Amino acid sequence: MKKTLQKLLSLVFAGALIGGTASSLYASAGEAYDVYNYDRWGEAIPSQAGYIADRSVSGNDLGVGAFESPSDIFYDHNDIFYVVDSGNNRIVAIDSDFSNLVKVYDKFTMPDGKTTTLKNPQGIYISAENDLMYIADNENSRVLISDRDGNVVSEITKPTSEVYDQKRTFLPQRVIADKAGNVYVVLNNITTGAAMFSPDGEFTGFYGANRVQPTAEIIGNYFTSLFTSEEKKARRARNVPTGITSFDIDGDFIFTCTASSTQSTDTVKKLNAAGNNIFANLDLKFGDYAPMYDTSQNKLLAPAICDIDIAEDGNINCLDFTTGRVFQYDEDCNLLFITGTLAKQVGGFDHVAALESKGNNLYVVDSQKDTVTIFEETEFGKIVHQASALHNAGYYEEALEPWYEVLKRDGNFRRAYVGVALALLRQADYEGSMKYAELADASSIYNKAFEGYRMNWLKANFGYLVAVIVVAGIALVILSKQLRKRREILDAKRLAEEERAEAVREMLARREAALAEQAEMERAAQEEAAKAQESRHLRRKEEE
């Protein structure tokens, strides 16, 4: 009942706040869709926009002819964008303002001097360590490694290893390389993880495979298999995990995503060098909290994360193919903003394919509109990102004022309540921290704040507690003595009563004995008298 009342009060407050700021909220958003976020109960609520669609850029705008089914975008360390124009079998390099063409890569020179071209390329990665381009050349069944002049350094083709199923083709979809030069390739027909190659191109195995979704059928099959013959087990269809759709690298970690709308485990993973998922034991959800209902198909459409980008500030950007939205999370996977939708206007999409970030901007590729939409950070987004960056860097107290400013602009922004609660916790304002942690439904923060509050209360009231304990101890001693004395008195009374009762019992016993003796004497006297009379009677008879 209490929780329901708090929820109703919060909704009333939120309604008043939203009503008072509705005009500025939607005016600042300027989008062709409703801007929303989620409250602590997991319900969608109106919110201020963190990004606003600035413009949509096509190949014609850049003077290179229309894009055709673009599939990937990458921003490198030299401030150059690379768009994978799959349908035109080329890579288009664009300047940092996304306004002018830098170069078109449609032909490459092999080490032997021959010219080669791309065939339906799907992904690109530029290494900051060696300044090489890694291109997932899908229908040529290779990863092409080239310098910026288009000179091919090497290529990675289908492994001949026994570990790699030779029945499967080699169809690169995405590619990245780590600092050591190891190459990771997402293959759109492989579900055992990304294929991993050493710097010299040697296949070393698979990396970061997803787990199998533990459905009721799978669990049932497991128990059934305990009583099934090996022959039947061999004929049974195997349960395989969904494959990785895309990935991004950030320092020593690789982030992966899967576009399977039926998969709820390993939707987004953070993998260390050993391939272990840092997010594995966390209760995380990426995309909309509840599936979207599609009236045209009459079915629920669950989130399908088709691309992932790790921004310079560590924020995690996830592109949902189902809704055409970008879901942005901070390093701790707290939801910050939701941007975009399925729509024809600028800021809406038909078929999202890839995502990239540069500074304060987001870049989303639409493979049907054949455009790249640029989202710019709003003033509200700037404040949130400032507070989040300070928080992630460990400057919780410095982030307090920006978080307060966020709450002034959007009183329903849950992440701000979490930030304020942590900042107040660091300032030892435990009561305030408990208040904001409760509003954010952040139980772990609340528990820590409560421990601090309890400790402070004990310290502040230690003297009173000692006095109360001493007084209580003295009172207990006095009461104990009184109870003991009263018990002794009661014991004495009880003993006296028992003695009196014993004396009465003895007196009654003596009286009964005397009465019995008297009765015996009277009986004996009566018998003597009867005998004497009978004797006299006999003498009289004899005399007669």
Protein backbone atom coordinates (compact mmCIF):
# COMPACT_ATOMS: atom_id res chain seq x y z
CA MET A 1 0.00 0.00 0.00
CA LYS A 2 2.81 2.37 0.93
CA LYS A 3 4.67 1.66 -2.33
CA THR A 4 1.48 2.23 -4.35
CA LEU A 5 0.89 5.56 -2.61
CA GLN A 6 4.47 6.66 -3.27
CA LYS A 7 4.08 5.67 -6.90
CA LEU A 8 0.87 7.68 -7.26
CA LEU A 9 2.42 10.73 -5.61
CA SER A 10 5.44 10.45 -7.88
CA LEU A 11 3.22 10.23 -10.94
CA VAL A 12 1.24 13.28 -9.83
CA PHE A 13 4.47 15.20 -9.33
CA ALA A 14 5.80 13.99 -12.67
CA GLY A 15 2.59 14.99 -14.39
CA ALA A 16 2.77 18.47 -12.93
CA LEU A 17 6.40 18.83 -13.92
CA ILE A 18 5.79 17.52 -17.43
CA GLY A 19 2.73 19.71 -17.85
CA GLY A 20 4.73 22.76 -16.84
CA THR A 21 7.61 22.01 -19.21
CA ALA A 22 5.87 20.21 -22.07
CA SER A 23 6.23 23.01 -24.55
CA SER A 24 9.94 23.47 -23.92
CA LEU A 25 10.47 19.70 -23.80
CA TYR A 26 9.14 18.96 -27.24
CA ALA A 27 10.39 22.18 -28.68
CA SER A 28 13.91 21.32 -27.58
CA ALA A 29 13.53 17.83 -28.98
CA GLY A 30 12.35 18.97 -32.38
CA GLU A 31 11.93 15.34 -33.41
CA ALA A 32 9.22 13.59 -35.40
CA TYR A 33 8.67 11.19 -32.52
CA ASP A 34 7.96 11.26 -28.80
CA VAL A 35 11.06 11.41 -26.63
CA TYR A 36 10.86 9.07 -23.66
CA ASN A 37 12.81 7.25 -20.98
CA TYR A 38 11.98 4.76 -18.23
CA ASP A 39 11.18 5.41 -14.57
CA ARG A 40 12.15 3.23 -11.61
CA TRP A 41 9.10 1.03 -12.13
CA GLY A 42 10.15 0.29 -15.70
CA GLU A 43 7.36 2.36 -17.24
CA ALA A 44 7.93 4.59 -20.27
CA ILE A 45 7.59 8.30 -19.44
CA PRO A 46 8.13 11.53 -21.43
CA SER A 47 11.66 12.91 -21.18
CA GLN A 48 13.91 15.54 -22.64
CA ALA A 49 15.97 14.65 -25.68
CA GLY A 50 19.68 14.03 -25.34
CA TYR A 51 20.17 14.23 -29.12
CA ILE A 52 18.39 15.97 -31.97
CA ALA A 53 18.56 14.98 -35.63
CA ASP A 54 20.57 17.66 -37.42
CA ARG A 55 20.62 16.38 -40.98
CA SER A 56 20.61 13.34 -43.21
CA VAL A 57 23.48 12.88 -45.69
CA SER A 58 23.30 10.83 -48.87
CA GLY A 59 25.94 9.89 -51.42
CA ASN A 60 24.51 12.53 -53.76
CA ASP A 61 25.09 15.17 -51.09
CA LEU A 62 28.77 14.19 -51.09
CA GLY A 63 29.01 14.18 -54.89
CA VAL A 64 29.78 10.45 -55.23
CA GLY A 65 26.41 9.27 -56.44
CA ALA A 66 23.73 7.60 -54.34
CA PHE A 67 24.70 5.07 -51.71
CA GLU A 68 23.25 1.63 -52.21
CA SER A 69 22.54 -0.50 -49.12
CA PRO A 70 25.30 1.00 -46.92
CA SER A 71 26.10 -1.42 -44.10
CA ASP A 72 28.76 0.06 -41.81
CA ILE A 73 30.43 3.28 -40.69
CA PHE A 74 33.69 3.93 -38.84
CA TYR A 75 35.38 7.06 -37.48
CA ASP A 76 39.16 6.76 -37.21
CA HIS A 77 41.99 8.41 -35.30
CA ASN A 78 42.69 10.79 -38.21
CA ASP A 79 39.21 12.37 -38.02
CA ILE A 80 37.95 10.61 -41.15
CA PHE A 81 34.69 8.73 -41.56
CA TYR A 82 34.48 5.56 -43.65
CA VAL A 83 31.11 4.43 -44.99
CA VAL A 84 30.82 0.88 -46.34
CA ASP A 85 28.72 1.35 -49.49
CA SER A 86 27.90 -2.33 -49.94
CA GLY A 87 25.69 -2.16 -53.00
CA ASN A 88 28.27 -0.12 -54.88
CA ASN A 89 31.17 -2.32 -53.73
CA ARG A 90 33.19 0.57 -52.34
CA ILE A 91 34.38 2.38 -49.22
CA VAL A 92 33.68 6.12 -49.11
CA ALA A 93 35.97 8.26 -46.94
CA ILE A 94 34.44 11.52 -45.64
CA ASP A 95 35.87 14.43 -43.65
CA SER A 96 35.20 15.01 -39.94
CA ASP A 97 32.32 17.43 -40.64
CA PHE A 98 30.66 14.82 -42.81
CA SER A 99 30.41 17.38 -45.59
CA ASN A 100 33.20 16.69 -48.07
CA LEU A 101 34.50 13.62 -49.83
CA VAL A 102 38.05 12.55 -48.98
CA LYS A 103 38.45 9.44 -51.12
CA VAL A 104 36.59 6.55 -52.70
CA TYR A 105 38.09 3.08 -52.29
CA ASP A 106 36.70 0.92 -55.08
CA LYS A 107 39.95 -0.64 -56.30
CA PHE A 108 42.89 -2.06 -54.38
CA THR A 109 46.38 -3.12 -55.44
CA MET A 110 47.46 -6.61 -54.40
CA PRO A 111 51.07 -7.33 -53.34
CA ASP A 112 51.76 -8.81 -56.79
CA GLY A 113 50.61 -5.60 -58.47
CA LYS A 114 47.23 -6.89 -59.67
CA THR A 115 44.06 -4.89 -59.10
CA THR A 116 41.25 -6.28 -56.99
CA THR A 117 37.78 -4.98 -56.17
CA LEU A 118 35.31 -5.47 -53.35
CA LYS A 119 32.16 -7.55 -53.57
CA ASN A 120 29.38 -6.68 -51.13
CA PRO A 121 31.67 -5.42 -48.32
CA GLN A 122 29.96 -5.41 -44.92
CA GLY A 123 32.32 -3.91 -42.35
CA ILE A 124 35.41 -1.79 -41.85
CA TYR A 125 37.88 -1.06 -39.07
CA ILE A 126 40.89 1.31 -39.04
CA SER A 127 43.64 0.46 -36.58
CA ALA A 128 45.20 3.38 -34.71
CA GLU A 129 48.27 1.23 -33.97
CA ASN A 130 49.32 0.35 -37.55
CA ASP A 131 47.10 2.75 -39.57
CA LEU A 132 45.75 -0.13 -41.67
CA MET A 133 42.23 -0.66 -43.00
CA TYR A 134 40.52 -3.98 -42.26
CA ILE A 135 37.61 -4.63 -44.66
CA ALA A 136 35.07 -7.45 -44.32
CA ASP A 137 34.80 -8.30 -48.03
CA ASN A 138 31.78 -10.56 -47.68
CA GLU A 139 31.16 -12.16 -51.06
CA ASN A 140 34.86 -12.39 -51.84
CA SER A 141 35.10 -14.52 -48.67
CA ARG A 142 38.01 -12.59 -47.25
CA VAL A 143 39.17 -9.84 -44.94
CA LEU A 144 41.23 -7.36 -46.90
CA ILE A 145 44.01 -5.54 -45.01
CA SER A 146 45.16 -2.42 -46.80
CA ASP A 147 47.00 0.86 -46.23
CA ARG A 148 45.31 4.21 -46.84
CA ASP A 149 46.54 4.32 -50.42
CA GLY A 150 44.67 1.13 -51.29
CA ASN A 151 47.73 -1.13 -51.27
CA VAL A 152 46.81 -4.54 -49.89
CA VAL A 153 49.18 -5.71 -47.17
CA SER A 154 47.55 -9.11 -46.69
CA GLU A 155 44.23 -10.88 -46.73
CA ILE A 156 42.54 -13.38 -44.44
CA THR A 157 40.59 -16.20 -46.06
CA LYS A 158 38.80 -19.35 -44.93
CA PRO A 159 40.91 -21.25 -42.36
CA THR A 160 42.03 -24.77 -43.13
CA SER A 161 42.10 -25.67 -39.45
CA GLU A 162 40.19 -28.69 -38.16
CA VAL A 163 38.56 -26.38 -35.64
CA TYR A 164 36.79 -24.57 -38.48
CA ASP A 165 33.95 -26.54 -40.10
CA GLN A 166 35.08 -26.87 -43.70
CA LYS A 167 31.48 -27.29 -44.84
CA ARG A 168 30.81 -23.68 -43.91
CA THR A 169 31.70 -20.79 -46.18
CA PHE A 170 33.74 -17.81 -45.01
CA LEU A 171 31.43 -14.75 -45.04
CA PRO A 172 32.91 -11.84 -43.05
CA GLN A 173 30.33 -9.43 -41.67
CA ARG A 174 32.27 -7.28 -39.21
CA VAL A 175 35.98 -6.99 -38.37
CA ILE A 176 38.11 -5.36 -35.68
CA ALA A 177 41.74 -5.61 -34.53
CA ASP A 178 43.21 -5.20 -31.05
CA LYS A 179 46.38 -3.37 -30.02
CA ALA A 180 48.47 -6.51 -30.47
CA GLY A 181 47.31 -6.87 -34.07
CA ASN A 182 44.99 -9.83 -33.48
CA VAL A 183 42.04 -9.77 -35.88
CA TYR A 184 38.48 -10.70 -34.92
CA VAL A 185 35.92 -11.46 -37.61
CA VAL A 186 32.15 -11.85 -37.23
CA LEU A 187 30.89 -14.43 -39.74
CA ASN A 188 27.18 -14.33 -40.52
CA ASN A 189 26.93 -18.13 -40.73
CA ILE A 190 28.92 -18.99 -37.58
CA THR A 191 27.38 -19.18 -34.09
CA THR A 192 30.46 -20.29 -32.14
CA GLY A 193 31.82 -16.76 -31.70
CA ALA A 194 34.06 -14.46 -33.70
CA ALA A 195 36.87 -16.07 -35.67
CA MET A 196 40.20 -14.96 -34.21
CA PHE A 197 43.41 -14.60 -36.21
CA SER A 198 46.95 -13.79 -35.11
CA PRO A 199 48.75 -10.71 -36.52
CA ASP A 200 50.25 -12.89 -39.26
CA GLY A 201 46.79 -14.15 -40.30
CA GLU A 202 46.89 -17.58 -38.67
CA PHE A 203 43.55 -18.86 -37.37
CA THR A 204 43.68 -19.31 -33.58
CA GLY A 205 40.10 -20.27 -32.75
CA PHE A 206 36.78 -18.69 -31.84
CA TYR A 207 36.21 -15.90 -29.35
CA GLY A 208 33.24 -14.83 -27.22
CA ALA A 209 30.55 -17.35 -28.18
CA ASN A 210 27.05 -16.60 -26.89
CA ARG A 211 25.35 -18.91 -24.44
CA VAL A 212 22.35 -21.02 -25.40
CA GLN A 213 19.06 -19.44 -24.32
CA PRO A 214 17.75 -21.65 -21.44
CA THR A 215 14.21 -22.19 -22.75
CA ALA A 216 11.73 -24.63 -21.22
CA GLU A 217 12.23 -26.96 -24.18
CA ILE A 218 15.99 -27.05 -23.74
CA ILE A 219 15.67 -27.68 -20.00
CA GLY A 220 13.16 -30.46 -20.68
CA ASN A 221 15.44 -32.02 -23.29
CA TYR A 222 18.30 -32.00 -20.81
CA PHE A 223 16.41 -34.08 -18.27
CA THR A 224 15.04 -36.33 -21.00
CA SER A 225 18.56 -36.97 -22.28
CA LEU A 226 19.47 -38.49 -18.92
CA PHE A 227 17.28 -41.47 -19.84
CA THR A 228 17.86 -41.47 -23.63
CA SER A 229 20.12 -43.81 -25.55
CA GLU A 230 23.22 -42.51 -27.31
CA GLU A 231 21.67 -43.35 -30.69
CA LYS A 232 18.62 -41.17 -30.03
CA LYS A 233 20.82 -38.40 -28.69
CA ALA A 234 22.79 -38.42 -31.94
CA ARG A 235 19.60 -38.06 -34.00
CA ARG A 236 18.23 -35.24 -31.87
CA ALA A 237 18.56 -31.65 -33.18
CA ARG A 238 21.30 -29.78 -31.39
CA ASN A 239 20.65 -26.53 -29.54
CA VAL A 240 23.00 -23.82 -30.74
CA PRO A 241 23.46 -20.24 -29.50
CA THR A 242 22.72 -17.22 -31.65
CA GLY A 243 25.67 -15.71 -33.44
CA ILE A 244 27.34 -12.37 -32.81
CA THR A 245 25.97 -9.65 -35.09
CA SER A 246 28.46 -6.86 -34.50
CA PHE A 247 31.11 -5.64 -32.07
CA ASP A 248 33.34 -2.76 -31.02
CA ILE A 249 36.61 -2.57 -29.14
CA ASP A 250 37.45 -0.25 -26.25
CA GLY A 251 40.91 -0.63 -24.74
CA ASP A 252 41.27 -4.19 -23.50
CA PHE A 253 37.58 -5.02 -23.83
CA ILE A 254 35.49 -6.13 -26.78
CA PHE A 255 31.76 -5.39 -26.71
CA THR A 256 29.50 -7.66 -28.76
CA CYS A 257 25.78 -7.64 -29.61
CA THR A 258 23.26 -9.95 -31.21
CA ALA A 259 20.29 -9.00 -33.37
CA SER A 260 18.27 -12.08 -32.43
CA SER A 261 14.88 -10.92 -31.12
CA THR A 262 14.39 -14.29 -29.39
CA GLN A 263 17.60 -14.08 -27.39
CA SER A 264 17.52 -12.46 -23.95
CA THR A 265 20.88 -13.68 -22.66
CA ASP A 266 24.11 -12.20 -24.02
CA THR A 267 22.24 -9.50 -25.96
CA VAL A 268 25.18 -7.23 -25.19
CA LYS A 269 28.45 -8.53 -23.76
CA LYS A 270 31.65 -6.99 -22.43
CA LEU A 271 34.46 -9.48 -23.00
CA ASN A 272 37.91 -9.42 -21.44
CA ALA A 273 41.05 -10.87 -23.03
CA ALA A 274 40.07 -14.37 -21.90
CA GLY A 275 36.66 -14.05 -23.56
CA ASN A 276 34.76 -13.89 -20.27
CA ASN A 277 31.63 -11.74 -20.20
CA ILE A 278 31.84 -9.05 -17.50
CA PHE A 279 28.06 -8.53 -17.78
CA ALA A 280 27.24 -12.25 -17.38
CA ASN A 281 26.03 -12.13 -13.77
CA LEU A 282 24.37 -8.72 -13.93
CA ASP A 283 20.64 -8.27 -14.35
CA LEU A 284 20.80 -6.03 -17.43
CA LYS A 285 18.33 -5.27 -20.17
CA PHE A 286 19.14 -3.52 -23.43
CA GLY A 287 16.53 -1.90 -25.63
CA ASP A 288 12.90 -1.29 -24.68
CA TYR A 289 11.80 -2.84 -21.40
CA ALA A 290 8.67 -4.31 -22.99
CA PRO A 291 8.36 -5.74 -26.53
CA MET A 292 6.85 -3.41 -29.13
CA TYR A 293 3.49 -4.44 -30.59
CA ASP A 294 3.36 -4.25 -34.39
CA THR A 295 -0.26 -3.89 -35.52
CA SER A 296 0.64 -4.58 -39.15
CA GLN A 297 2.10 -7.98 -38.25
CA ASN A 298 -0.10 -8.54 -35.21
CA LYS A 299 2.80 -9.63 -33.04
CA LEU A 300 5.22 -8.46 -30.39
CA LEU A 301 8.65 -7.43 -31.60
CA ALA A 302 11.44 -7.78 -29.06
CA PRO A 303 14.63 -5.68 -29.21
CA ALA A 304 17.28 -6.82 -31.71
CA ILE A 305 20.59 -5.03 -31.16
CA CYS A 306 22.21 -4.99 -34.59
CA ASP A 307 25.20 -2.73 -33.85
CA ILE A 308 27.12 -1.39 -30.89
CA ASP A 309 29.44 1.57 -30.43
CA ILE A 310 31.59 2.58 -27.48
CA ALA A 311 31.90 6.35 -27.40
CA GLU A 312 34.99 8.31 -26.40
CA ASP A 313 33.51 8.98 -22.94
CA GLY A 314 32.82 5.27 -22.38
CA ASN A 315 29.08 5.43 -23.02
CA ILE A 316 27.58 2.36 -24.71
CA ASN A 317 25.42 3.06 -27.77
CA CYS A 318 23.17 0.21 -28.90
CA LEU A 319 21.26 0.27 -32.21
CA ASP A 320 17.94 -1.60 -32.12
CA PHE A 321 16.88 -2.91 -35.51
CA THR A 322 13.32 -3.57 -34.30
CA THR A 323 12.48 0.01 -33.33
CA GLY A 324 15.13 1.96 -35.25
CA ARG A 325 16.27 3.52 -31.97
CA VAL A 326 19.62 4.21 -30.37
CA PHE A 327 19.71 3.28 -26.67
CA GLN A 328 22.59 4.98 -24.89
CA TYR A 329 23.94 3.67 -21.57
CA ASP A 330 26.73 4.84 -19.30
CA GLU A 331 29.64 2.61 -18.30
CA ASP A 332 27.52 1.00 -15.57
CA CYS A 333 24.75 0.27 -18.09
CA ASN A 334 22.38 2.89 -16.68
CA LEU A 335 20.06 4.11 -19.44
CA LEU A 336 20.74 7.71 -20.47
CA PHE A 337 18.87 8.45 -23.69
CA ILE A 338 16.65 6.89 -26.35
CA THR A 339 17.00 8.43 -29.81
CA GLY A 340 15.39 7.76 -33.19
CA THR A 341 12.45 5.66 -34.38
CA LEU A 342 10.92 4.02 -37.44
CA ALA A 343 9.68 6.96 -39.53
CA LYS A 344 10.09 8.72 -42.86
CA GLN A 345 11.15 12.08 -41.43
CA VAL A 346 14.70 13.09 -40.59
CA GLY A 347 15.50 11.38 -37.32
CA GLY A 348 13.47 8.33 -38.31
CA PHE A 349 14.59 5.23 -40.18
CA ASP A 350 13.43 2.44 -42.44
CA HIS A 351 16.18 -0.10 -41.92
CA VAL A 352 18.98 0.78 -39.50
CA ALA A 353 22.28 -0.93 -40.25
CA ALA A 354 25.17 0.64 -38.35
CA LEU A 355 26.07 3.19 -35.68
CA GLU A 356 29.10 5.34 -34.92
CA SER A 357 29.90 8.23 -32.59
CA LYS A 358 32.23 11.18 -32.79
CA GLY A 359 32.56 13.52 -29.84
CA ASN A 360 29.06 14.71 -29.04
CA ASN A 361 27.41 13.38 -32.22
CA LEU A 362 25.83 10.09 -33.27
CA TYR A 363 25.84 8.78 -36.85
CA VAL A 364 23.25 6.19 -37.91
CA VAL A 365 23.28 4.35 -41.25
CA ASP A 366 19.97 3.48 -42.94
CA SER A 367 20.46 0.79 -45.59
CA GLN A 368 17.08 1.43 -47.25
CA LYS A 369 17.06 5.21 -47.22
CA ASP A 370 20.74 5.00 -48.24
CA THR A 371 21.65 7.81 -45.88
CA VAL A 372 23.62 8.61 -42.77
CA THR A 373 21.67 10.62 -40.17
CA ILE A 374 23.65 12.87 -37.85
CA PHE A 375 22.33 13.50 -34.34
CA GLU A 376 23.73 16.43 -32.36
CA GLU A 377 23.89 16.62 -28.59
CA THR A 378 21.27 18.90 -26.97
CA GLU A 379 21.92 21.24 -24.06
CA PHE A 380 20.20 18.76 -21.77
CA GLY A 381 22.32 15.94 -23.18
CA LYS A 382 25.46 17.98 -22.56
CA ILE A 383 24.61 18.40 -18.88
CA VAL A 384 23.81 14.70 -18.48
CA HIS A 385 27.03 13.68 -20.21
CA GLN A 386 29.06 16.11 -18.09
CA ALA A 387 27.59 14.70 -14.90
CA SER A 388 28.00 11.13 -16.14
CA ALA A 389 31.64 11.71 -17.16
CA LEU A 390 32.49 13.15 -13.74
CA HIS A 391 30.70 10.26 -12.06
CA ASN A 392 32.46 7.62 -14.17
CA ALA A 393 35.81 9.24 -13.40
CA GLY A 394 35.11 8.93 -9.67
CA TYR A 395 34.36 12.63 -9.09
CA TYR A 396 31.00 11.98 -7.46
CA GLU A 397 30.88 15.19 -5.46
CA GLU A 398 31.85 17.33 -8.48
CA ALA A 399 29.02 15.66 -10.40
CA LEU A 400 26.44 16.65 -7.76
CA GLU A 401 25.58 20.09 -9.14
CA PRO A 402 25.20 18.87 -12.74
CA TRP A 403 22.93 16.08 -11.50
CA TYR A 404 20.82 18.65 -9.62
CA GLU A 405 20.59 20.67 -12.83
CA VAL A 406 19.43 17.56 -14.69
CA LEU A 407 16.65 17.04 -12.13
CA LYS A 408 15.57 20.68 -12.48
CA ARG A 409 15.05 20.07 -16.19
CA ASP A 410 13.63 16.56 -15.92
CA GLY A 411 12.35 15.44 -12.54
CA ASN A 412 11.86 11.87 -13.77
CA PHE A 413 15.44 11.25 -14.89
CA ARG A 414 16.30 8.16 -12.83
CA ARG A 415 20.02 8.21 -13.58
CA ALA A 416 20.26 11.64 -11.94
CA TYR A 417 18.70 10.34 -8.72
CA VAL A 418 21.30 7.55 -8.67
CA GLY A 419 24.09 10.09 -9.22
CA VAL A 420 22.84 12.40 -6.45
CA ALA A 421 22.44 9.47 -4.07
CA LEU A 422 26.05 8.37 -4.65
CA ALA A 423 27.40 11.94 -4.37
CA LEU A 424 25.58 12.50 -1.07
CA LEU A 425 26.83 9.13 0.12
CA ARG A 426 30.41 10.29 -0.53
CA GLN A 427 29.66 13.51 1.38
CA ALA A 428 28.40 11.42 4.32
CA ASP A 429 24.93 12.93 3.91
CA TYR A 430 23.43 9.56 4.55
CA GLU A 431 19.89 10.73 5.18
CA GLY A 432 19.86 12.65 1.89
CA SER A 433 21.44 9.72 0.10
CA MET A 434 18.75 7.40 1.44
CA LYS A 435 16.08 9.78 0.16
CA TYR A 436 17.42 9.92 -3.42
CA ALA A 437 18.30 6.22 -3.47
CA GLU A 438 14.70 5.41 -2.56
CA LEU A 439 13.45 7.67 -5.37
CA ALA A 440 15.78 5.84 -7.78
CA ASP A 441 14.85 2.42 -6.37
CA ALA A 442 18.59 1.83 -5.87
CA SER A 443 18.56 -0.67 -3.01
CA SER A 444 22.34 -1.21 -2.84
CA ILE A 445 23.00 2.53 -2.44
CA TYR A 446 20.19 2.80 0.09
CA ASN A 447 21.65 -0.03 2.18
CA LYS A 448 25.11 1.60 2.25
CA ALA A 449 23.59 4.96 3.18
CA PHE A 450 21.53 3.32 5.91
CA GLU A 451 24.64 1.69 7.37
CA GLY A 452 26.35 5.08 7.49
CA TYR A 453 23.24 6.73 8.95
CA ARG A 454 23.01 4.05 11.64
CA MET A 455 26.71 4.42 12.52
CA ASN A 456 26.41 8.21 12.78
CA TRP A 457 23.34 7.87 14.96
CA LEU A 458 25.17 5.49 17.26
CA LYS A 459 28.13 7.88 17.52
CA ALA A 460 25.93 10.90 18.17
CA ASN A 461 23.87 9.14 20.83
CA PHE A 462 26.62 7.05 22.40
CA GLY A 463 26.55 8.94 25.74
CA TYR A 464 22.80 8.64 25.99
CA LEU A 465 23.00 4.99 25.10
CA VAL A 466 25.61 4.39 27.82
CA ALA A 467 23.49 6.30 30.35
CA VAL A 468 20.41 4.35 29.37
CA ILE A 469 22.34 1.11 29.61
CA VAL A 470 23.74 2.05 33.07
CA VAL A 471 20.34 3.15 34.38
CA ALA A 472 18.76 0.07 32.91
CA GLY A 473 21.49 -2.05 34.55
CA ILE A 474 20.92 -0.43 37.96
CA ALA A 475 17.18 -0.80 37.55
CA LEU A 476 17.67 -4.45 36.69
CA VAL A 477 19.87 -4.96 39.79
CA ILE A 478 17.31 -3.26 42.06
CA LEU A 479 14.47 -5.11 40.47
CA SER A 480 16.40 -8.34 40.79
CA LYS A 481 16.99 -7.69 44.52
CA GLN A 482 13.33 -6.84 45.03
CA LEU A 483 12.25 -9.89 43.15
CA ARG A 484 14.68 -12.02 45.17
CA LYS A 485 13.43 -10.53 48.48
CA ARG A 486 9.86 -10.99 47.43
CA ARG A 487 10.65 -14.54 46.42
CA GLU A 488 12.23 -15.16 49.86
CA ILE A 489 9.16 -13.74 51.60
CA LEU A 490 6.89 -15.86 49.47
CA ASP A 491 9.07 -18.88 50.14
CA ALA A 492 8.90 -18.18 53.92
CA LYS A 493 5.14 -17.80 53.80
CA ARG A 494 4.82 -20.92 51.76
CA LEU A 495 7.04 -22.79 54.29
CA ALA A 496 5.01 -21.49 57.24
CA GLU A 497 1.79 -22.49 55.55
CA GLU A 498 3.23 -25.90 54.84
CA GLU A 499 4.30 -26.22 58.51
CA ARG A 500 0.84 -25.15 59.69
CA ALA A 501 -0.75 -27.57 57.31
CA GLU A 502 1.55 -30.32 58.59
CA ALA A 503 0.68 -29.46 62.19
CA VAL A 504 -3.04 -29.58 61.38
CA ARG A 505 -2.55 -32.87 59.63
CA GLU A 506 -0.69 -34.25 62.69
CA MET A 507 -3.37 -32.92 65.07
CA LEU A 508 -6.12 -34.45 62.99
CA ALA A 509 -4.18 -37.68 62.85
CA ARG A 510 -3.81 -37.71 66.69
CA ARG A 511 -7.47 -36.89 67.11
CA GLU A 512 -8.46 -39.65 64.76
CA ALA A 513 -6.14 -42.01 66.64
CA ALA A 514 -7.69 -40.97 70.00
CA LEU A 515 -11.19 -41.39 68.67
CA ALA A 516 -10.27 -44.74 67.25
CA GLU A 517 -8.74 -45.77 70.61
CA GLN A 518 -11.81 -44.52 72.49
CA ALA A 519 -14.07 -46.38 70.11
CA GLU A 520 -11.98 -49.52 70.61
CA MET A 521 -12.22 -49.14 74.42
CA GLU A 522 -15.97 -48.64 74.23
CA ARG A 523 -16.29 -51.70 72.02
CA ALA A 524 -14.16 -53.72 74.43
CA ALA A 525 -16.25 -52.49 77.41
CA GLN A 526 -19.43 -53.39 75.57
CA GLU A 527 -18.06 -56.85 74.88
CA GLU A 528 -17.10 -57.29 78.59
CA ALA A 529 -20.54 -56.11 79.65
CA ALA A 530 -22.15 -58.51 77.17
CA LYS A 531 -20.01 -61.37 78.45
CA ALA A 532 -20.85 -60.50 82.11
CA GLN A 533 -24.57 -60.41 81.38
CA GLU A 534 -24.38 -63.69 79.52
CA SER A 535 -22.48 -65.20 82.47
CA ARG A 536 -25.15 -64.00 84.93
CA HIS A 537 -27.78 -65.40 82.66
CA LEU A 538 -26.11 -68.80 82.65
CA ARG A 539 -25.78 -68.79 86.47
CA ARG A 540 -29.44 -68.00 86.90
CA LYS A 541 -30.30 -70.91 84.68
CA GLU A 542 -28.09 -73.18 86.68
CA GLU A 543 -29.62 -71.98 89.97
CA GLU A 544 -33.07 -72.64 88.71
